[in-house]
Amino acid sequence: MKNLRQIVAKTIIAKGKQRSEMNVTLKPPHCPTSILGCWVINHTHTAKKIGKFIEVTGKFDVNVWYSHQEHSKTSVFTECVTYKERIRLHYRDEPTSGHEEIIVNVIQHPNCTEAIISECGEKFIITVERELLAEVVGETKICVLVQESNFEEEWPFSDESSSHNHEHNHNHGHRQENREDNREENRKGPGHDHPRGKDAPAF
C-alpha cells in the first residue's frame, strides 16, 4: 500500500531470565568448629551475546564468620568466587541490523541460603542463589499509516467574539444616555419646554 511507511526504531527485541543456585566449597586456614554467620558482598558482572544466549561472567566475595579451636576463638574467612552462566534469549522481533546493546539487570544479588561444615570437618559448603534478567536492545521496523496533510484539526471556539462584546457595550452606553435625558425632562415638569402657539392666550 502506498500510504504505509516503515520506521526504524530502537526497542527491546529479546529477553531472558534465569535463577540459579550454586554450591561453593571453601577451605579456611583453621579447622572450623561452628559457623556463626555468612554473607555475600561485592557482586560485579559483565555480559556478551553468543548466538541465542547471553553469557554472564561475574564474581562476588563470600565472608564466613566461624569459631575454631573448640569455640575458643573466632575468625572471618573471605574468598572471592567467580561464576559464568548462560541465559537463553526469547526473541519478540528479529533485528534489522547487527548493532545490538546488551543489558543485564540483577533481580536477586548473590545471597547465601545455607552454610554448613563438610563431613570431613575442614571446609565450608555455601549455597548461593542469584537471579538475572538479560535484555537485548536492537533496531526493528514499525509500519505506520500516512494520512493526507490537507486537513484542519478541529478546535473548540467560544460563541462570544470581540465584535459582539463591542456591540453590546455600545448599546449599553446608548441606553444609559436615554435614561439620563428622561430624568432631565421629568425635572423640568410637563409642558415646560412646549413652545407658545399663535392662538395661545397671553397672561
N, C-alpha and C. Protein backbone atom coordinates (compact mmCIF):
# COMPACT_ATOMS: atom_id res chain seq x y z
N MET A 1 0.84 -1.19 0.00
CA MET A 1 0.00 0.00 0.00
C MET A 1 0.88 1.25 0.00
N LYS A 2 0.48 2.22 -0.79
CA LYS A 2 1.33 3.41 -0.93
C LYS A 2 1.27 4.32 0.30
N ASN A 3 0.26 4.16 1.18
CA ASN A 3 0.15 5.01 2.36
C ASN A 3 0.88 4.43 3.57
N LEU A 4 1.54 3.29 3.43
CA LEU A 4 2.28 2.69 4.53
C LEU A 4 3.74 3.13 4.48
N ARG A 5 4.29 3.40 5.65
CA ARG A 5 5.70 3.76 5.78
C ARG A 5 6.33 2.88 6.84
N GLN A 6 7.62 2.57 6.66
CA GLN A 6 8.38 1.78 7.62
C GLN A 6 9.35 2.69 8.36
N ILE A 7 9.27 2.67 9.69
CA ILE A 7 10.14 3.47 10.54
C ILE A 7 11.07 2.52 11.30
N VAL A 8 12.35 2.81 11.28
CA VAL A 8 13.34 2.02 12.01
C VAL A 8 13.54 2.66 13.37
N ALA A 9 13.30 1.89 14.45
CA ALA A 9 13.40 2.41 15.82
C ALA A 9 14.12 1.41 16.70
N LYS A 10 14.67 1.93 17.81
CA LYS A 10 15.31 1.06 18.79
C LYS A 10 14.27 0.55 19.78
N THR A 11 14.34 -0.74 20.07
CA THR A 11 13.41 -1.35 21.01
C THR A 11 14.03 -2.61 21.58
N ILE A 12 13.40 -3.17 22.61
CA ILE A 12 13.87 -4.44 23.18
C ILE A 12 13.36 -5.56 22.28
N ILE A 13 14.27 -6.28 21.67
CA ILE A 13 13.90 -7.32 20.72
C ILE A 13 13.98 -8.72 21.34
N ALA A 14 14.66 -8.86 22.47
CA ALA A 14 14.79 -10.19 23.09
C ALA A 14 14.99 -10.03 24.59
N LYS A 15 14.52 -11.03 25.33
CA LYS A 15 14.68 -11.06 26.79
C LYS A 15 14.98 -12.46 27.26
N GLY A 16 15.59 -12.53 28.42
CA GLY A 16 15.85 -13.81 29.06
C GLY A 16 16.02 -13.63 30.56
N LYS A 17 15.53 -14.59 31.33
CA LYS A 17 15.64 -14.51 32.80
C LYS A 17 16.04 -15.87 33.32
N GLN A 18 16.94 -15.85 34.30
CA GLN A 18 17.40 -17.13 34.85
C GLN A 18 17.71 -16.99 36.33
N ARG A 19 17.21 -17.93 37.09
CA ARG A 19 17.52 -18.04 38.52
C ARG A 19 18.39 -19.27 38.70
N SER A 20 19.50 -19.10 39.36
CA SER A 20 20.45 -20.22 39.51
C SER A 20 20.87 -20.34 40.96
N GLU A 21 21.36 -21.52 41.29
CA GLU A 21 21.83 -21.83 42.64
C GLU A 21 23.10 -22.64 42.51
N MET A 22 24.11 -22.29 43.28
CA MET A 22 25.40 -22.98 43.20
C MET A 22 25.93 -23.24 44.59
N ASN A 23 26.71 -24.31 44.71
CA ASN A 23 27.38 -24.65 45.96
C ASN A 23 28.85 -24.25 45.87
N VAL A 24 29.31 -23.51 46.85
CA VAL A 24 30.69 -23.05 46.91
C VAL A 24 31.38 -23.76 48.07
N THR A 25 32.50 -24.37 47.77
CA THR A 25 33.28 -25.07 48.80
C THR A 25 34.51 -24.24 49.14
N LEU A 26 34.66 -23.89 50.39
CA LEU A 26 35.75 -23.04 50.86
C LEU A 26 36.52 -23.76 51.96
N LYS A 27 37.83 -23.56 51.97
CA LYS A 27 38.68 -24.18 52.99
C LYS A 27 39.34 -23.08 53.81
N PRO A 28 38.93 -22.87 55.05
CA PRO A 28 39.55 -21.83 55.88
C PRO A 28 40.90 -22.29 56.44
N PRO A 29 41.69 -21.37 56.94
CA PRO A 29 43.00 -21.77 57.48
C PRO A 29 42.93 -22.57 58.77
N HIS A 30 41.81 -22.44 59.51
CA HIS A 30 41.65 -23.19 60.75
C HIS A 30 40.50 -24.18 60.59
N CYS A 31 40.61 -25.28 61.26
CA CYS A 31 39.53 -26.27 61.22
C CYS A 31 38.32 -25.71 61.97
N PRO A 32 37.20 -25.51 61.28
CA PRO A 32 36.06 -24.84 61.92
C PRO A 32 35.34 -25.73 62.92
N THR A 33 34.86 -25.08 63.98
CA THR A 33 34.03 -25.77 64.95
C THR A 33 32.55 -25.52 64.67
N SER A 34 32.21 -24.27 64.35
CA SER A 34 30.83 -23.91 64.01
C SER A 34 30.84 -22.67 63.14
N ILE A 35 29.74 -22.47 62.43
CA ILE A 35 29.57 -21.28 61.57
C ILE A 35 28.66 -20.31 62.30
N LEU A 36 29.15 -19.10 62.49
CA LEU A 36 28.39 -18.08 63.21
C LEU A 36 27.62 -17.14 62.27
N GLY A 37 28.06 -17.05 61.03
CA GLY A 37 27.37 -16.18 60.06
C GLY A 37 28.04 -16.26 58.71
N CYS A 38 27.27 -15.91 57.68
CA CYS A 38 27.79 -15.92 56.31
C CYS A 38 27.05 -14.88 55.50
N TRP A 39 27.78 -14.08 54.72
CA TRP A 39 27.17 -13.07 53.86
C TRP A 39 27.98 -12.92 52.59
N VAL A 40 27.30 -12.47 51.54
CA VAL A 40 27.91 -12.33 50.20
C VAL A 40 27.83 -10.86 49.81
N ILE A 41 28.97 -10.29 49.37
CA ILE A 41 29.03 -8.87 49.01
C ILE A 41 29.86 -8.70 47.76
N ASN A 42 29.90 -7.43 47.28
CA ASN A 42 30.77 -7.00 46.17
C ASN A 42 30.53 -7.80 44.89
N HIS A 43 29.28 -7.86 44.48
CA HIS A 43 28.95 -8.58 43.25
C HIS A 43 29.13 -7.68 42.03
N THR A 44 29.90 -8.13 41.06
CA THR A 44 30.08 -7.44 39.78
C THR A 44 29.95 -8.46 38.65
N HIS A 45 29.61 -7.95 37.45
CA HIS A 45 29.42 -8.87 36.33
C HIS A 45 29.60 -8.13 35.01
N THR A 46 29.89 -8.90 33.96
CA THR A 46 29.93 -8.43 32.58
C THR A 46 29.14 -9.42 31.73
N ALA A 47 28.73 -8.96 30.53
CA ALA A 47 27.89 -9.82 29.69
C ALA A 47 28.25 -9.63 28.22
N LYS A 48 28.05 -10.67 27.44
CA LYS A 48 28.21 -10.60 26.00
C LYS A 48 27.24 -11.59 25.35
N LYS A 49 26.91 -11.32 24.10
CA LYS A 49 25.94 -12.16 23.39
C LYS A 49 26.68 -13.20 22.56
N ILE A 50 26.22 -14.44 22.73
CA ILE A 50 26.77 -15.56 21.96
C ILE A 50 25.59 -16.32 21.36
N GLY A 51 25.31 -16.09 20.08
CA GLY A 51 24.19 -16.75 19.43
C GLY A 51 22.87 -16.36 20.06
N LYS A 52 22.11 -17.35 20.52
CA LYS A 52 20.82 -17.12 21.15
C LYS A 52 20.94 -17.01 22.67
N PHE A 53 22.15 -16.80 23.17
CA PHE A 53 22.37 -16.76 24.61
C PHE A 53 23.11 -15.47 24.98
N ILE A 54 22.93 -15.09 26.26
CA ILE A 54 23.73 -14.04 26.89
C ILE A 54 24.64 -14.72 27.91
N GLU A 55 25.93 -14.57 27.73
CA GLU A 55 26.88 -15.17 28.65
C GLU A 55 27.29 -14.13 29.68
N VAL A 56 27.02 -14.43 30.95
CA VAL A 56 27.32 -13.52 32.05
C VAL A 56 28.49 -14.08 32.84
N THR A 57 29.50 -13.24 33.03
CA THR A 57 30.67 -13.60 33.84
C THR A 57 30.71 -12.65 35.03
N GLY A 58 30.71 -13.23 36.23
CA GLY A 58 30.67 -12.38 37.42
C GLY A 58 31.52 -12.93 38.55
N LYS A 59 31.58 -12.14 39.61
CA LYS A 59 32.31 -12.54 40.81
C LYS A 59 31.70 -11.88 42.02
N PHE A 60 31.94 -12.47 43.18
CA PHE A 60 31.45 -11.92 44.46
C PHE A 60 32.34 -12.45 45.58
N ASP A 61 32.26 -11.79 46.72
CA ASP A 61 33.04 -12.18 47.90
C ASP A 61 32.13 -12.90 48.89
N VAL A 62 32.62 -14.04 49.40
CA VAL A 62 31.92 -14.79 50.43
C VAL A 62 32.67 -14.61 51.75
N ASN A 63 31.94 -14.15 52.76
CA ASN A 63 32.52 -13.93 54.08
C ASN A 63 31.87 -14.90 55.07
N VAL A 64 32.71 -15.68 55.75
CA VAL A 64 32.21 -16.65 56.73
C VAL A 64 32.81 -16.34 58.10
N TRP A 65 31.91 -16.09 59.03
CA TRP A 65 32.33 -15.89 60.42
C TRP A 65 32.17 -17.23 61.14
N TYR A 66 33.25 -17.73 61.70
CA TYR A 66 33.21 -19.08 62.27
C TYR A 66 34.06 -19.13 63.55
N SER A 67 33.81 -20.16 64.32
CA SER A 67 34.61 -20.42 65.53
C SER A 67 35.52 -21.62 65.28
N HIS A 68 36.63 -21.65 65.98
CA HIS A 68 37.58 -22.76 65.83
C HIS A 68 38.28 -22.98 67.16
N GLN A 69 39.09 -24.03 67.21
CA GLN A 69 39.78 -24.44 68.44
C GLN A 69 38.78 -24.62 69.59
N GLU A 70 37.77 -25.44 69.27
CA GLU A 70 36.74 -25.80 70.26
C GLU A 70 36.05 -24.57 70.86
N HIS A 71 35.64 -23.66 69.93
CA HIS A 71 34.87 -22.46 70.29
C HIS A 71 35.66 -21.46 71.13
N SER A 72 36.97 -21.59 71.16
CA SER A 72 37.76 -20.67 71.97
C SER A 72 38.14 -19.41 71.20
N LYS A 73 38.10 -19.46 69.89
CA LYS A 73 38.44 -18.31 69.07
C LYS A 73 37.48 -18.21 67.89
N THR A 74 37.38 -16.99 67.37
CA THR A 74 36.54 -16.76 66.17
C THR A 74 37.36 -16.02 65.13
N SER A 75 36.99 -16.22 63.88
CA SER A 75 37.68 -15.57 62.76
C SER A 75 36.67 -15.36 61.64
N VAL A 76 37.03 -14.49 60.69
CA VAL A 76 36.24 -14.26 59.49
C VAL A 76 37.09 -14.66 58.29
N PHE A 77 36.57 -15.58 57.52
CA PHE A 77 37.27 -16.05 56.32
C PHE A 77 36.58 -15.46 55.09
N THR A 78 37.37 -14.87 54.17
CA THR A 78 36.84 -14.23 52.97
C THR A 78 37.51 -14.82 51.75
N GLU A 79 36.70 -15.08 50.74
CA GLU A 79 37.25 -15.60 49.49
C GLU A 79 36.40 -15.08 48.32
N CYS A 80 37.06 -14.73 47.22
CA CYS A 80 36.38 -14.27 46.01
C CYS A 80 35.99 -15.47 45.16
N VAL A 81 34.74 -15.51 44.74
CA VAL A 81 34.21 -16.62 43.95
C VAL A 81 33.78 -16.08 42.60
N THR A 82 34.16 -16.77 41.54
CA THR A 82 33.77 -16.39 40.18
C THR A 82 32.73 -17.38 39.64
N TYR A 83 31.95 -16.90 38.68
CA TYR A 83 30.96 -17.77 38.05
C TYR A 83 30.77 -17.36 36.59
N LYS A 84 30.20 -18.26 35.83
CA LYS A 84 29.86 -18.00 34.42
C LYS A 84 28.60 -18.80 34.10
N GLU A 85 27.62 -18.10 33.54
CA GLU A 85 26.37 -18.78 33.18
C GLU A 85 25.79 -18.20 31.90
N ARG A 86 24.95 -18.98 31.25
CA ARG A 86 24.31 -18.57 30.01
C ARG A 86 22.82 -18.41 30.22
N ILE A 87 22.29 -17.31 29.71
CA ILE A 87 20.86 -17.02 29.79
C ILE A 87 20.28 -17.13 28.39
N ARG A 88 19.32 -18.01 28.21
CA ARG A 88 18.70 -18.20 26.90
C ARG A 88 17.78 -17.03 26.58
N LEU A 89 17.84 -16.57 25.33
CA LEU A 89 17.04 -15.43 24.89
C LEU A 89 15.76 -15.88 24.19
N HIS A 90 14.72 -15.12 24.41
CA HIS A 90 13.44 -15.32 23.72
C HIS A 90 13.16 -14.05 22.91
N TYR A 91 13.13 -14.21 21.58
CA TYR A 91 13.02 -13.05 20.70
C TYR A 91 11.56 -12.67 20.48
N ARG A 92 11.29 -11.36 20.51
CA ARG A 92 9.99 -10.81 20.14
C ARG A 92 10.04 -10.32 18.69
N ASP A 93 11.15 -9.64 18.32
CA ASP A 93 11.36 -9.16 16.95
C ASP A 93 12.74 -9.58 16.50
N GLU A 94 12.87 -9.81 15.22
CA GLU A 94 14.19 -10.07 14.65
C GLU A 94 14.89 -8.75 14.38
N PRO A 95 16.18 -8.62 14.67
CA PRO A 95 16.88 -7.36 14.46
C PRO A 95 17.03 -7.04 12.98
N THR A 96 17.06 -5.74 12.66
CA THR A 96 17.24 -5.31 11.27
C THR A 96 18.68 -4.91 10.99
N SER A 97 19.53 -4.88 12.03
CA SER A 97 20.94 -4.56 11.84
C SER A 97 21.75 -5.38 12.84
N GLY A 98 23.05 -5.39 12.66
CA GLY A 98 23.91 -6.17 13.52
C GLY A 98 24.28 -5.48 14.82
N HIS A 99 23.95 -4.19 14.95
CA HIS A 99 24.31 -3.46 16.16
C HIS A 99 23.26 -3.71 17.24
N GLU A 100 23.68 -4.34 18.32
CA GLU A 100 22.78 -4.66 19.44
C GLU A 100 23.44 -4.26 20.76
N GLU A 101 22.60 -3.90 21.70
CA GLU A 101 23.07 -3.50 23.03
C GLU A 101 22.57 -4.51 24.05
N ILE A 102 23.48 -4.94 24.93
CA ILE A 102 23.16 -5.95 25.93
C ILE A 102 22.99 -5.27 27.29
N ILE A 103 21.87 -5.56 27.96
CA ILE A 103 21.60 -5.02 29.29
C ILE A 103 21.28 -6.20 30.22
N VAL A 104 22.01 -6.27 31.34
CA VAL A 104 21.77 -7.32 32.33
C VAL A 104 21.41 -6.65 33.65
N ASN A 105 20.20 -6.91 34.13
CA ASN A 105 19.73 -6.38 35.41
C ASN A 105 19.72 -7.51 36.44
N VAL A 106 20.16 -7.17 37.65
CA VAL A 106 20.22 -8.15 38.73
C VAL A 106 18.91 -8.09 39.52
N ILE A 107 18.10 -9.10 39.39
CA ILE A 107 16.86 -9.18 40.17
C ILE A 107 17.16 -9.58 41.61
N GLN A 108 18.03 -10.57 41.78
CA GLN A 108 18.46 -11.02 43.10
C GLN A 108 19.98 -11.14 43.11
N HIS A 109 20.64 -10.29 43.89
CA HIS A 109 22.09 -10.40 44.03
C HIS A 109 22.44 -11.73 44.70
N PRO A 110 23.66 -12.23 44.44
CA PRO A 110 24.06 -13.47 45.11
C PRO A 110 23.84 -13.40 46.61
N ASN A 111 23.17 -14.40 47.13
CA ASN A 111 22.77 -14.41 48.53
C ASN A 111 22.97 -15.81 49.10
N CYS A 112 23.47 -15.87 50.32
CA CYS A 112 23.70 -17.16 50.97
C CYS A 112 22.39 -17.69 51.53
N THR A 113 22.01 -18.88 51.11
CA THR A 113 20.80 -19.52 51.62
C THR A 113 21.10 -20.64 52.62
N GLU A 114 22.34 -21.18 52.57
CA GLU A 114 22.71 -22.24 53.51
C GLU A 114 24.23 -22.27 53.64
N ALA A 115 24.70 -22.49 54.84
CA ALA A 115 26.13 -22.61 55.11
C ALA A 115 26.34 -23.72 56.14
N ILE A 116 27.09 -24.75 55.75
CA ILE A 116 27.34 -25.89 56.64
C ILE A 116 28.82 -26.26 56.58
N ILE A 117 29.24 -27.06 57.54
CA ILE A 117 30.60 -27.60 57.56
C ILE A 117 30.57 -28.98 56.90
N SER A 118 31.55 -29.24 56.07
CA SER A 118 31.60 -30.51 55.34
C SER A 118 31.79 -31.69 56.30
N GLU A 119 31.60 -32.89 55.79
CA GLU A 119 31.70 -34.09 56.62
C GLU A 119 33.12 -34.30 57.13
N CYS A 120 34.10 -33.88 56.35
CA CYS A 120 35.48 -34.02 56.81
C CYS A 120 35.81 -33.05 57.93
N GLY A 121 34.99 -32.00 58.11
CA GLY A 121 35.19 -31.05 59.18
C GLY A 121 36.22 -29.99 58.91
N GLU A 122 36.68 -29.86 57.66
CA GLU A 122 37.72 -28.90 57.34
C GLU A 122 37.27 -27.80 56.38
N LYS A 123 36.08 -27.93 55.78
CA LYS A 123 35.65 -26.98 54.74
C LYS A 123 34.25 -26.47 55.02
N PHE A 124 33.93 -25.37 54.33
CA PHE A 124 32.58 -24.82 54.32
C PHE A 124 31.90 -25.19 53.00
N ILE A 125 30.65 -25.50 53.07
CA ILE A 125 29.83 -25.68 51.87
C ILE A 125 28.75 -24.61 51.91
N ILE A 126 28.88 -23.63 51.01
CA ILE A 126 27.99 -22.47 50.99
C ILE A 126 27.09 -22.57 49.77
N THR A 127 25.78 -22.44 49.99
CA THR A 127 24.81 -22.42 48.89
C THR A 127 24.44 -20.97 48.60
N VAL A 128 24.65 -20.57 47.33
CA VAL A 128 24.42 -19.19 46.91
C VAL A 128 23.40 -19.19 45.77
N GLU A 129 22.40 -18.32 45.87
CA GLU A 129 21.40 -18.18 44.82
C GLU A 129 21.47 -16.78 44.23
N ARG A 130 21.05 -16.65 42.98
CA ARG A 130 21.01 -15.36 42.29
C ARG A 130 19.99 -15.46 41.16
N GLU A 131 19.54 -14.28 40.68
CA GLU A 131 18.58 -14.22 39.57
C GLU A 131 18.92 -13.02 38.71
N LEU A 132 19.05 -13.26 37.40
CA LEU A 132 19.47 -12.23 36.45
C LEU A 132 18.44 -12.10 35.34
N LEU A 133 18.29 -10.87 34.83
CA LEU A 133 17.41 -10.58 33.69
C LEU A 133 18.25 -9.95 32.59
N ALA A 134 18.25 -10.57 31.41
CA ALA A 134 19.02 -10.06 30.28
C ALA A 134 18.07 -9.51 29.22
N GLU A 135 18.44 -8.37 28.63
CA GLU A 135 17.66 -7.72 27.58
C GLU A 135 18.59 -7.35 26.42
N VAL A 136 18.06 -7.50 25.21
CA VAL A 136 18.80 -7.13 24.01
C VAL A 136 18.06 -5.99 23.34
N VAL A 137 18.73 -4.85 23.18
CA VAL A 137 18.16 -3.68 22.52
C VAL A 137 18.73 -3.60 21.11
N GLY A 138 17.85 -3.59 20.12
CA GLY A 138 18.27 -3.52 18.73
C GLY A 138 17.30 -2.70 17.90
N GLU A 139 17.56 -2.63 16.62
CA GLU A 139 16.70 -1.89 15.71
C GLU A 139 15.64 -2.80 15.12
N THR A 140 14.41 -2.27 15.04
CA THR A 140 13.30 -3.00 14.44
C THR A 140 12.50 -2.06 13.57
N LYS A 141 11.62 -2.59 12.74
CA LYS A 141 10.82 -1.80 11.82
C LYS A 141 9.38 -1.69 12.32
N ILE A 142 8.86 -0.47 12.23
CA ILE A 142 7.47 -0.20 12.61
C ILE A 142 6.74 0.33 11.39
N CYS A 143 5.60 -0.24 11.06
CA CYS A 143 4.79 0.21 9.92
C CYS A 143 3.72 1.18 10.42
N VAL A 144 3.61 2.33 9.75
CA VAL A 144 2.61 3.33 10.11
C VAL A 144 1.80 3.70 8.87
N LEU A 145 0.56 4.16 9.10
CA LEU A 145 -0.32 4.60 8.03
C LEU A 145 -0.23 6.11 7.91
N VAL A 146 0.06 6.61 6.72
CA VAL A 146 0.24 8.03 6.47
C VAL A 146 -1.06 8.60 5.92
N GLN A 147 -1.57 9.71 6.53
CA GLN A 147 -2.77 10.39 6.06
C GLN A 147 -2.39 11.60 5.22
N GLU A 148 -3.40 12.09 4.48
CA GLU A 148 -3.18 13.30 3.70
C GLU A 148 -2.99 14.49 4.65
N SER A 149 -2.16 15.44 4.26
CA SER A 149 -1.83 16.54 5.14
C SER A 149 -2.77 17.74 5.01
N ASN A 150 -3.68 17.75 4.00
CA ASN A 150 -4.56 18.91 3.79
C ASN A 150 -5.86 18.75 4.58
N PHE A 151 -5.75 18.72 5.86
CA PHE A 151 -6.93 18.69 6.71
C PHE A 151 -6.68 19.63 7.88
N GLU A 152 -7.78 20.10 8.46
CA GLU A 152 -7.70 21.04 9.57
C GLU A 152 -8.18 20.37 10.83
N GLU A 153 -7.40 20.49 11.86
CA GLU A 153 -7.78 19.90 13.13
C GLU A 153 -8.89 20.72 13.78
N GLU A 154 -9.87 20.03 14.35
CA GLU A 154 -10.99 20.72 14.98
C GLU A 154 -10.58 21.30 16.32
N TRP A 155 -10.98 22.57 16.53
CA TRP A 155 -10.72 23.25 17.79
C TRP A 155 -12.03 23.80 18.33
N PRO A 156 -12.26 23.73 19.64
CA PRO A 156 -13.48 24.33 20.21
C PRO A 156 -13.31 25.84 20.33
N PHE A 157 -14.29 26.59 19.76
CA PHE A 157 -14.26 28.05 19.82
C PHE A 157 -15.40 28.55 20.69
N SER A 158 -15.19 29.68 21.38
CA SER A 158 -16.24 30.28 22.19
C SER A 158 -17.24 31.01 21.30
N ASP A 159 -18.54 31.10 21.72
CA ASP A 159 -19.57 31.78 20.92
C ASP A 159 -19.39 33.29 20.95
N GLU A 160 -18.78 33.83 21.98
CA GLU A 160 -18.61 35.27 22.09
C GLU A 160 -17.32 35.70 21.41
N SER A 161 -17.40 36.79 20.66
CA SER A 161 -16.23 37.34 19.98
C SER A 161 -16.02 38.77 20.43
N SER A 162 -14.93 39.38 20.01
CA SER A 162 -14.63 40.76 20.40
C SER A 162 -15.62 41.74 19.78
N SER A 163 -16.07 41.48 18.51
CA SER A 163 -17.04 42.38 17.88
C SER A 163 -18.38 42.33 18.59
N HIS A 164 -18.78 41.16 19.06
CA HIS A 164 -20.04 41.02 19.78
C HIS A 164 -19.99 41.78 21.10
N ASN A 165 -18.86 41.69 21.79
CA ASN A 165 -18.72 42.41 23.05
C ASN A 165 -18.72 43.91 22.82
N HIS A 166 -18.12 44.39 21.71
CA HIS A 166 -18.08 45.81 21.42
C HIS A 166 -19.48 46.36 21.15
N GLU A 167 -20.28 45.57 20.39
CA GLU A 167 -21.64 46.00 20.10
C GLU A 167 -22.49 46.02 21.36
N HIS A 168 -22.27 45.06 22.21
CA HIS A 168 -23.03 45.00 23.45
C HIS A 168 -22.71 46.22 24.32
N ASN A 169 -21.44 46.59 24.43
CA ASN A 169 -21.05 47.74 25.22
C ASN A 169 -21.58 49.05 24.62
N HIS A 170 -21.63 49.16 23.26
CA HIS A 170 -22.14 50.35 22.61
C HIS A 170 -23.62 50.54 22.90
N ASN A 171 -24.42 49.47 22.78
CA ASN A 171 -25.86 49.55 23.05
C ASN A 171 -26.11 49.87 24.51
N HIS A 172 -25.29 49.36 25.38
CA HIS A 172 -25.47 49.62 26.80
C HIS A 172 -25.24 51.10 27.10
N GLY A 173 -24.22 51.70 26.46
CA GLY A 173 -23.97 53.12 26.66
C GLY A 173 -25.08 53.99 26.08
N HIS A 174 -25.67 53.58 24.94
CA HIS A 174 -26.76 54.33 24.33
C HIS A 174 -27.99 54.34 25.23
N ARG A 175 -28.30 53.19 25.86
CA ARG A 175 -29.45 53.13 26.76
C ARG A 175 -29.22 53.99 28.00
N GLN A 176 -27.97 54.08 28.46
CA GLN A 176 -27.67 54.91 29.61
C GLN A 176 -27.91 56.38 29.32
N GLU A 177 -27.55 56.85 28.10
CA GLU A 177 -27.78 58.23 27.72
C GLU A 177 -29.28 58.54 27.65
N ASN A 178 -30.10 57.62 27.11
CA ASN A 178 -31.54 57.82 27.03
C ASN A 178 -32.15 57.97 28.42
N ARG A 179 -31.68 57.19 29.39
CA ARG A 179 -32.23 57.29 30.75
C ARG A 179 -31.88 58.63 31.36
N GLU A 180 -30.69 59.18 31.09
CA GLU A 180 -30.33 60.49 31.63
C GLU A 180 -31.19 61.59 31.02
N ASP A 181 -31.51 61.54 29.70
CA ASP A 181 -32.38 62.54 29.07
C ASP A 181 -33.77 62.51 29.67
N ASN A 182 -34.29 61.34 29.94
CA ASN A 182 -35.64 61.23 30.51
C ASN A 182 -35.69 61.83 31.90
N ARG A 183 -34.62 61.60 32.71
CA ARG A 183 -34.62 62.17 34.04
C ARG A 183 -34.57 63.69 33.98
N GLU A 184 -33.87 64.27 32.99
CA GLU A 184 -33.79 65.73 32.84
C GLU A 184 -35.16 66.32 32.49
N GLU A 185 -35.92 65.68 31.61
CA GLU A 185 -37.25 66.16 31.23
C GLU A 185 -38.21 66.10 32.41
N ASN A 186 -38.12 65.07 33.24
CA ASN A 186 -39.01 64.96 34.39
C ASN A 186 -38.77 66.08 35.39
N ARG A 187 -37.50 66.52 35.56
CA ARG A 187 -37.22 67.61 36.49
C ARG A 187 -37.82 68.95 36.01
N LYS A 188 -37.86 69.20 34.71
CA LYS A 188 -38.41 70.45 34.18
C LYS A 188 -39.92 70.53 34.33
N GLY A 189 -40.59 69.42 34.41
CA GLY A 189 -42.03 69.42 34.57
C GLY A 189 -42.72 69.31 33.23
N PRO A 190 -43.99 68.96 33.26
CA PRO A 190 -44.73 68.78 32.00
C PRO A 190 -45.01 70.11 31.33
N GLY A 191 -44.77 70.20 30.04
CA GLY A 191 -45.10 71.38 29.23
C GLY A 191 -44.17 72.54 29.45
N HIS A 192 -43.06 72.36 30.13
CA HIS A 192 -42.16 73.49 30.41
C HIS A 192 -41.47 73.98 29.16
N ASP A 193 -41.13 73.07 28.29
CA ASP A 193 -40.40 73.46 27.08
C ASP A 193 -41.30 73.54 25.86
N HIS A 194 -42.67 73.44 26.07
CA HIS A 194 -43.55 73.48 24.90
C HIS A 194 -43.58 74.90 24.34
N PRO A 195 -43.43 75.12 23.11
CA PRO A 195 -43.48 76.49 22.53
C PRO A 195 -44.91 77.04 22.56
N ARG A 196 -45.01 78.36 22.69
CA ARG A 196 -46.31 79.02 22.75
C ARG A 196 -46.84 79.19 21.32
N GLY A 197 -48.04 78.73 21.06
CA GLY A 197 -48.64 78.84 19.71
C GLY A 197 -49.18 80.24 19.46
N LYS A 198 -49.62 80.43 18.21
CA LYS A 198 -50.14 81.74 17.84
C LYS A 198 -51.44 82.05 18.56
N ASP A 199 -52.27 81.06 18.75
CA ASP A 199 -53.57 81.27 19.37
C ASP A 199 -53.55 81.11 20.89
N ALA A 200 -52.41 80.93 21.44
CA ALA A 200 -52.35 80.74 22.88
C ALA A 200 -52.62 82.06 23.57
N PRO A 201 -53.47 82.07 24.64
CA PRO A 201 -53.79 83.32 25.33
C PRO A 201 -52.58 83.84 26.05
N ALA A 202 -52.45 85.15 26.08
CA ALA A 202 -51.34 85.79 26.77
C ALA A 202 -51.75 86.14 28.17
N PHE A 203 -50.90 86.03 29.13
CA PHE A 203 -51.18 86.34 30.55
C PHE A 203 -50.49 87.63 30.92
